[in-house]
């Protein structure tokens, strides 16, 4: 007796999932910016602890470095504050989009109507 034939099952190629989540991406970006902010402030503190430069050329270099580090720290702090606002706005937006759940009546069945 011949073996029964098994029909070949054709599988469609898996569709790529849209795994991008805007809330997660924004939160991850915000976390990285907060880390950069911490480094910028630490760098600013380190610059202020450098020994005092004795000649005018070294003082100018010190002033440039301090100005650069201070500006970066300031700009990153502004970015963090903006990120906080964006995350808060996104949270409100997602709460508004979420479906409103109605409390279910205890013991109610569809055929009771």
N, C-alpha and C. Protein backbone atom coordinates (compact mmCIF):
# COMPACT_ATOMS: atom_id res chain seq x y z
N UNK A 1 0.84 -1.17 0.00
CA UNK A 1 0.00 0.00 0.00
C UNK A 1 0.89 1.24 0.00
N UNK A 2 0.64 2.17 -0.91
CA UNK A 2 1.47 3.37 -0.99
C UNK A 2 1.22 4.30 0.20
N UNK A 3 2.26 5.02 0.53
CA UNK A 3 2.14 6.00 1.62
C UNK A 3 1.23 7.14 1.19
N UNK A 4 0.43 7.63 2.11
CA UNK A 4 -0.42 8.78 1.74
C UNK A 4 0.45 10.02 1.51
N UNK A 5 0.10 10.75 0.50
CA UNK A 5 0.84 11.97 0.20
C UNK A 5 0.44 13.08 1.16
N UNK A 6 1.44 13.77 1.58
CA UNK A 6 1.17 14.94 2.41
C UNK A 6 1.27 16.17 1.52
N UNK A 7 0.21 16.92 1.46
CA UNK A 7 0.29 18.13 0.64
C UNK A 7 1.26 19.12 1.26
N UNK A 8 1.99 19.78 0.39
CA UNK A 8 2.93 20.80 0.87
C UNK A 8 2.15 22.00 1.37
N UNK A 9 2.53 22.43 2.51
CA UNK A 9 1.90 23.63 3.08
C UNK A 9 2.76 24.81 2.69
N UNK A 10 2.13 25.72 2.03
CA UNK A 10 2.86 26.92 1.62
C UNK A 10 2.67 27.99 2.70
N UNK A 11 3.79 28.45 3.19
CA UNK A 11 3.75 29.50 4.20
C UNK A 11 4.05 30.83 3.52
N UNK A 12 3.26 31.79 3.88
CA UNK A 12 3.57 33.12 3.36
C UNK A 12 4.74 33.65 4.17
N UNK A 13 5.47 34.52 3.54
CA UNK A 13 6.61 35.10 4.23
C UNK A 13 6.11 35.94 5.40
N UNK A 14 6.81 35.83 6.52
CA UNK A 14 6.34 36.62 7.67
C UNK A 14 6.40 38.11 7.37
N UNK A 15 5.35 38.76 7.74
CA UNK A 15 5.28 40.20 7.54
C UNK A 15 6.07 40.90 8.64
N UNK A 16 6.85 41.90 8.29
CA UNK A 16 7.59 42.60 9.34
C UNK A 16 6.61 43.32 10.26
N UNK A 17 6.84 43.15 11.53
CA UNK A 17 5.95 43.80 12.50
C UNK A 17 6.39 45.24 12.70
N UNK A 18 5.42 46.05 12.88
CA UNK A 18 5.71 47.45 13.18
C UNK A 18 5.96 47.53 14.68
N UNK A 19 7.20 47.32 15.06
CA UNK A 19 7.51 47.26 16.48
C UNK A 19 7.94 48.61 17.05
N UNK A 20 7.87 49.65 16.25
CA UNK A 20 8.26 50.96 16.75
C UNK A 20 7.20 51.50 17.69
N UNK A 21 7.64 51.90 18.86
CA UNK A 21 6.74 52.47 19.85
C UNK A 21 7.25 53.88 20.16
N UNK A 22 6.49 54.87 19.78
CA UNK A 22 6.92 56.26 19.94
C UNK A 22 7.17 56.61 21.40
N UNK A 23 6.33 56.12 22.29
CA UNK A 23 6.50 56.44 23.71
C UNK A 23 7.81 55.86 24.24
N UNK A 24 8.10 54.62 23.89
CA UNK A 24 9.36 54.01 24.33
C UNK A 24 10.57 54.72 23.73
N UNK A 25 10.47 55.09 22.47
CA UNK A 25 11.58 55.78 21.81
C UNK A 25 11.84 57.13 22.46
N UNK A 26 10.79 57.87 22.74
CA UNK A 26 10.93 59.17 23.38
C UNK A 26 11.51 59.03 24.78
N UNK A 27 11.06 58.04 25.51
CA UNK A 27 11.57 57.81 26.86
C UNK A 27 13.05 57.44 26.84
N UNK A 28 13.44 56.58 25.89
CA UNK A 28 14.85 56.18 25.76
C UNK A 28 15.73 57.38 25.40
N UNK A 29 15.25 58.20 24.47
CA UNK A 29 15.99 59.39 24.08
C UNK A 29 16.14 60.35 25.27
N UNK A 30 15.07 60.53 25.99
CA UNK A 30 15.08 61.42 27.15
C UNK A 30 16.09 60.92 28.20
N UNK A 31 16.12 59.62 28.43
CA UNK A 31 17.05 59.04 29.39
C UNK A 31 18.50 59.29 28.97
N UNK A 32 18.77 59.15 27.68
CA UNK A 32 20.12 59.40 27.19
C UNK A 32 20.51 60.87 27.33
N UNK A 33 19.57 61.76 27.09
CA UNK A 33 19.84 63.19 27.23
C UNK A 33 20.11 63.54 28.70
N UNK A 34 19.37 62.91 29.61
CA UNK A 34 19.62 63.14 31.04
C UNK A 34 21.03 62.69 31.41
N UNK A 35 21.47 61.57 30.85
CA UNK A 35 22.84 61.10 31.09
C UNK A 35 23.86 62.12 30.58
N UNK A 36 23.63 62.64 29.39
CA UNK A 36 24.54 63.64 28.82
C UNK A 36 24.55 64.90 29.69
N UNK A 37 23.39 65.26 30.21
CA UNK A 37 23.31 66.42 31.09
C UNK A 37 24.20 66.22 32.32
N UNK A 38 24.15 65.02 32.89
CA UNK A 38 24.98 64.73 34.07
C UNK A 38 26.47 64.85 33.74
N UNK A 39 26.86 64.32 32.57
CA UNK A 39 28.26 64.43 32.16
C UNK A 39 28.66 65.89 31.93
N UNK A 40 27.79 66.66 31.34
CA UNK A 40 28.11 68.07 31.07
C UNK A 40 28.30 68.84 32.38
N UNK A 41 27.44 68.58 33.35
CA UNK A 41 27.59 69.28 34.63
C UNK A 41 28.84 68.80 35.37
N UNK A 42 29.15 67.51 35.27
CA UNK A 42 30.38 67.00 35.88
C UNK A 42 31.61 67.62 35.22
N UNK A 43 31.57 67.77 33.91
CA UNK A 43 32.68 68.40 33.20
C UNK A 43 32.85 69.85 33.62
N UNK A 44 31.74 70.54 33.79
CA UNK A 44 31.79 71.93 34.25
C UNK A 44 32.41 72.04 35.64
N UNK A 45 32.03 71.10 36.50
CA UNK A 45 32.60 71.09 37.85
C UNK A 45 34.10 70.78 37.80
N UNK A 46 34.49 69.86 36.94
CA UNK A 46 35.91 69.51 36.80
C UNK A 46 36.72 70.70 36.29
N UNK A 47 36.17 71.45 35.36
CA UNK A 47 36.88 72.61 34.81
C UNK A 47 37.11 73.65 35.90
N UNK A 48 36.13 73.84 36.76
CA UNK A 48 36.29 74.86 37.82
C UNK A 48 37.33 74.44 38.85
N UNK A 49 37.64 73.17 38.92
CA UNK A 49 38.64 72.69 39.88
C UNK A 49 40.06 72.63 39.30
N UNK A 50 40.21 73.01 38.05
CA UNK A 50 41.56 73.04 37.47
C UNK A 50 42.38 74.12 38.16
N UNK A 51 43.68 73.92 38.22
CA UNK A 51 44.52 74.97 38.85
C UNK A 51 44.46 76.27 38.05
N UNK A 52 44.62 77.34 38.76
CA UNK A 52 44.56 78.67 38.13
C UNK A 52 45.73 78.83 37.16
N UNK A 53 45.41 79.31 35.96
CA UNK A 53 46.44 79.52 34.94
C UNK A 53 47.21 80.80 35.25
N UNK A 54 48.50 80.73 35.06
CA UNK A 54 49.33 81.88 35.41
C UNK A 54 49.53 82.87 34.27
N UNK A 55 49.56 82.39 33.03
CA UNK A 55 49.80 83.34 31.94
C UNK A 55 48.51 83.61 31.17
N UNK A 56 48.46 84.73 30.46
CA UNK A 56 47.24 85.14 29.74
C UNK A 56 46.76 84.12 28.71
N UNK A 57 47.68 83.49 27.99
CA UNK A 57 47.26 82.52 26.97
C UNK A 57 46.54 81.33 27.61
N UNK A 58 47.06 80.81 28.70
CA UNK A 58 46.41 79.69 29.38
C UNK A 58 45.07 80.10 29.99
N UNK A 59 44.99 81.35 30.46
CA UNK A 59 43.70 81.84 31.00
C UNK A 59 42.65 81.91 29.91
N UNK A 60 43.04 82.35 28.71
CA UNK A 60 42.09 82.39 27.58
C UNK A 60 41.62 80.98 27.22
N UNK A 61 42.54 80.03 27.19
CA UNK A 61 42.17 78.63 26.89
C UNK A 61 41.20 78.11 27.96
N UNK A 62 41.52 78.39 29.21
CA UNK A 62 40.64 77.98 30.31
C UNK A 62 39.25 78.61 30.14
N UNK A 63 39.21 79.89 29.82
CA UNK A 63 37.93 80.60 29.64
C UNK A 63 37.12 79.99 28.49
N UNK A 64 37.80 79.64 27.41
CA UNK A 64 37.10 79.02 26.27
C UNK A 64 36.52 77.66 26.67
N UNK A 65 37.34 76.86 27.34
CA UNK A 65 36.87 75.53 27.77
C UNK A 65 35.69 75.68 28.72
N UNK A 66 35.80 76.59 29.67
CA UNK A 66 34.72 76.79 30.63
C UNK A 66 33.45 77.26 29.93
N UNK A 67 33.60 78.18 28.99
CA UNK A 67 32.45 78.68 28.24
C UNK A 67 31.79 77.56 27.44
N UNK A 68 32.60 76.76 26.78
CA UNK A 68 32.08 75.65 25.98
C UNK A 68 31.33 74.65 26.86
N UNK A 69 31.93 74.26 27.95
CA UNK A 69 31.31 73.27 28.85
C UNK A 69 30.03 73.84 29.46
N UNK A 70 30.07 75.11 29.85
CA UNK A 70 28.88 75.74 30.43
C UNK A 70 27.74 75.82 29.41
N UNK A 71 28.08 76.16 28.17
CA UNK A 71 27.07 76.26 27.11
C UNK A 71 26.43 74.90 26.84
N UNK A 72 27.25 73.86 26.77
CA UNK A 72 26.72 72.51 26.55
C UNK A 72 25.80 72.11 27.69
N UNK A 73 26.22 72.36 28.93
CA UNK A 73 25.39 72.03 30.09
C UNK A 73 24.06 72.78 30.05
N UNK A 74 24.12 74.05 29.70
CA UNK A 74 22.90 74.87 29.59
C UNK A 74 21.96 74.33 28.52
N UNK A 75 22.51 74.04 27.34
CA UNK A 75 21.69 73.55 26.23
C UNK A 75 21.09 72.18 26.53
N UNK A 76 21.86 71.32 27.16
CA UNK A 76 21.33 70.00 27.49
C UNK A 76 20.24 70.11 28.54
N UNK A 77 20.40 70.99 29.49
CA UNK A 77 19.36 71.19 30.50
C UNK A 77 18.07 71.67 29.83
N UNK A 78 18.20 72.56 28.87
CA UNK A 78 17.03 73.01 28.11
C UNK A 78 16.38 71.84 27.38
N UNK A 79 17.19 70.96 26.80
CA UNK A 79 16.67 69.78 26.10
C UNK A 79 15.94 68.84 27.06
N UNK A 80 16.48 68.67 28.25
CA UNK A 80 15.84 67.80 29.25
C UNK A 80 14.47 68.37 29.63
N UNK A 81 14.41 69.66 29.85
CA UNK A 81 13.12 70.29 30.20
C UNK A 81 12.11 70.13 29.06
N UNK A 82 12.58 70.30 27.83
CA UNK A 82 11.71 70.12 26.67
C UNK A 82 11.25 68.66 26.58
N UNK A 83 12.16 67.74 26.83
CA UNK A 83 11.81 66.31 26.84
C UNK A 83 10.78 65.99 27.89
N UNK A 84 10.91 66.60 29.06
CA UNK A 84 9.90 66.39 30.12
C UNK A 84 8.52 66.82 29.63
N UNK A 85 8.47 67.96 28.95
CA UNK A 85 7.18 68.46 28.43
C UNK A 85 6.62 67.53 27.37
N UNK A 86 7.51 67.03 26.48
CA UNK A 86 7.05 66.12 25.42
C UNK A 86 6.50 64.82 26.00
N UNK A 87 7.19 64.29 26.99
CA UNK A 87 6.73 63.04 27.61
C UNK A 87 5.40 63.25 28.31
N UNK A 88 5.24 64.38 28.99
CA UNK A 88 3.97 64.68 29.64
C UNK A 88 2.85 64.82 28.61
N UNK A 89 3.13 65.51 27.51
CA UNK A 89 2.12 65.68 26.45
C UNK A 89 1.77 64.34 25.81
N UNK A 90 2.77 63.50 25.60
CA UNK A 90 2.50 62.18 25.03
C UNK A 90 1.66 61.33 25.97
N UNK A 91 1.94 61.43 27.25
CA UNK A 91 1.16 60.68 28.24
C UNK A 91 -0.31 61.09 28.20
N UNK A 92 -0.55 62.40 28.15
CA UNK A 92 -1.93 62.91 28.06
C UNK A 92 -2.58 62.42 26.77
N UNK A 93 -1.85 62.48 25.67
CA UNK A 93 -2.37 62.05 24.37
C UNK A 93 -2.75 60.57 24.40
N UNK A 94 -1.88 59.75 24.96
CA UNK A 94 -2.16 58.30 25.00
C UNK A 94 -3.34 57.99 25.92
N UNK A 95 -3.48 58.75 27.00
CA UNK A 95 -4.63 58.54 27.88
C UNK A 95 -5.93 58.91 27.18
N UNK A 96 -5.91 59.95 26.37
CA UNK A 96 -7.11 60.35 25.64
C UNK A 96 -7.48 59.33 24.56
N UNK A 97 -6.45 58.72 23.96
CA UNK A 97 -6.69 57.74 22.90
C UNK A 97 -7.15 56.39 23.43
N UNK A 98 -6.84 56.10 24.68
CA UNK A 98 -7.19 54.80 25.25
C UNK A 98 -8.71 54.66 25.30
N UNK A 99 -9.22 53.48 24.97
CA UNK A 99 -10.67 53.30 25.01
C UNK A 99 -11.18 53.39 26.45
N UNK A 100 -12.35 53.99 26.58
CA UNK A 100 -12.96 54.11 27.89
C UNK A 100 -13.67 52.81 28.19
N UNK A 101 -13.36 52.23 29.32
CA UNK A 101 -13.99 50.96 29.70
C UNK A 101 -15.21 51.23 30.55
N UNK A 102 -16.28 50.61 30.16
CA UNK A 102 -17.51 50.73 30.92
C UNK A 102 -17.52 49.65 32.00
N UNK A 103 -17.93 50.00 33.21
CA UNK A 103 -18.02 48.96 34.24
C UNK A 103 -19.09 47.97 33.85
N UNK A 104 -18.76 46.70 33.97
CA UNK A 104 -19.72 45.67 33.61
C UNK A 104 -20.69 45.45 34.76
N UNK A 105 -21.93 45.22 34.40
CA UNK A 105 -22.94 44.96 35.42
C UNK A 105 -22.77 43.54 35.92
N UNK A 106 -22.80 43.38 37.21
CA UNK A 106 -22.60 42.06 37.80
C UNK A 106 -23.77 41.15 37.44
N UNK A 107 -23.47 39.97 36.96
CA UNK A 107 -24.49 38.97 36.69
C UNK A 107 -25.30 39.21 35.43
N UNK A 108 -24.99 40.21 34.68
CA UNK A 108 -25.74 40.51 33.44
C UNK A 108 -25.28 39.61 32.32
N UNK A 109 -26.22 39.09 31.58
CA UNK A 109 -25.91 38.26 30.43
C UNK A 109 -26.55 38.89 29.20
N UNK A 110 -26.00 38.58 28.04
CA UNK A 110 -26.52 39.17 26.80
C UNK A 110 -27.97 38.77 26.55
N UNK A 111 -28.41 37.58 26.98
CA UNK A 111 -29.77 37.14 26.69
C UNK A 111 -30.77 37.67 27.69
N UNK A 112 -30.35 38.53 28.65
CA UNK A 112 -31.26 39.11 29.63
C UNK A 112 -32.06 40.26 29.04
N UNK A 113 -31.69 40.73 27.89
CA UNK A 113 -32.37 41.92 27.34
C UNK A 113 -33.68 41.60 26.73
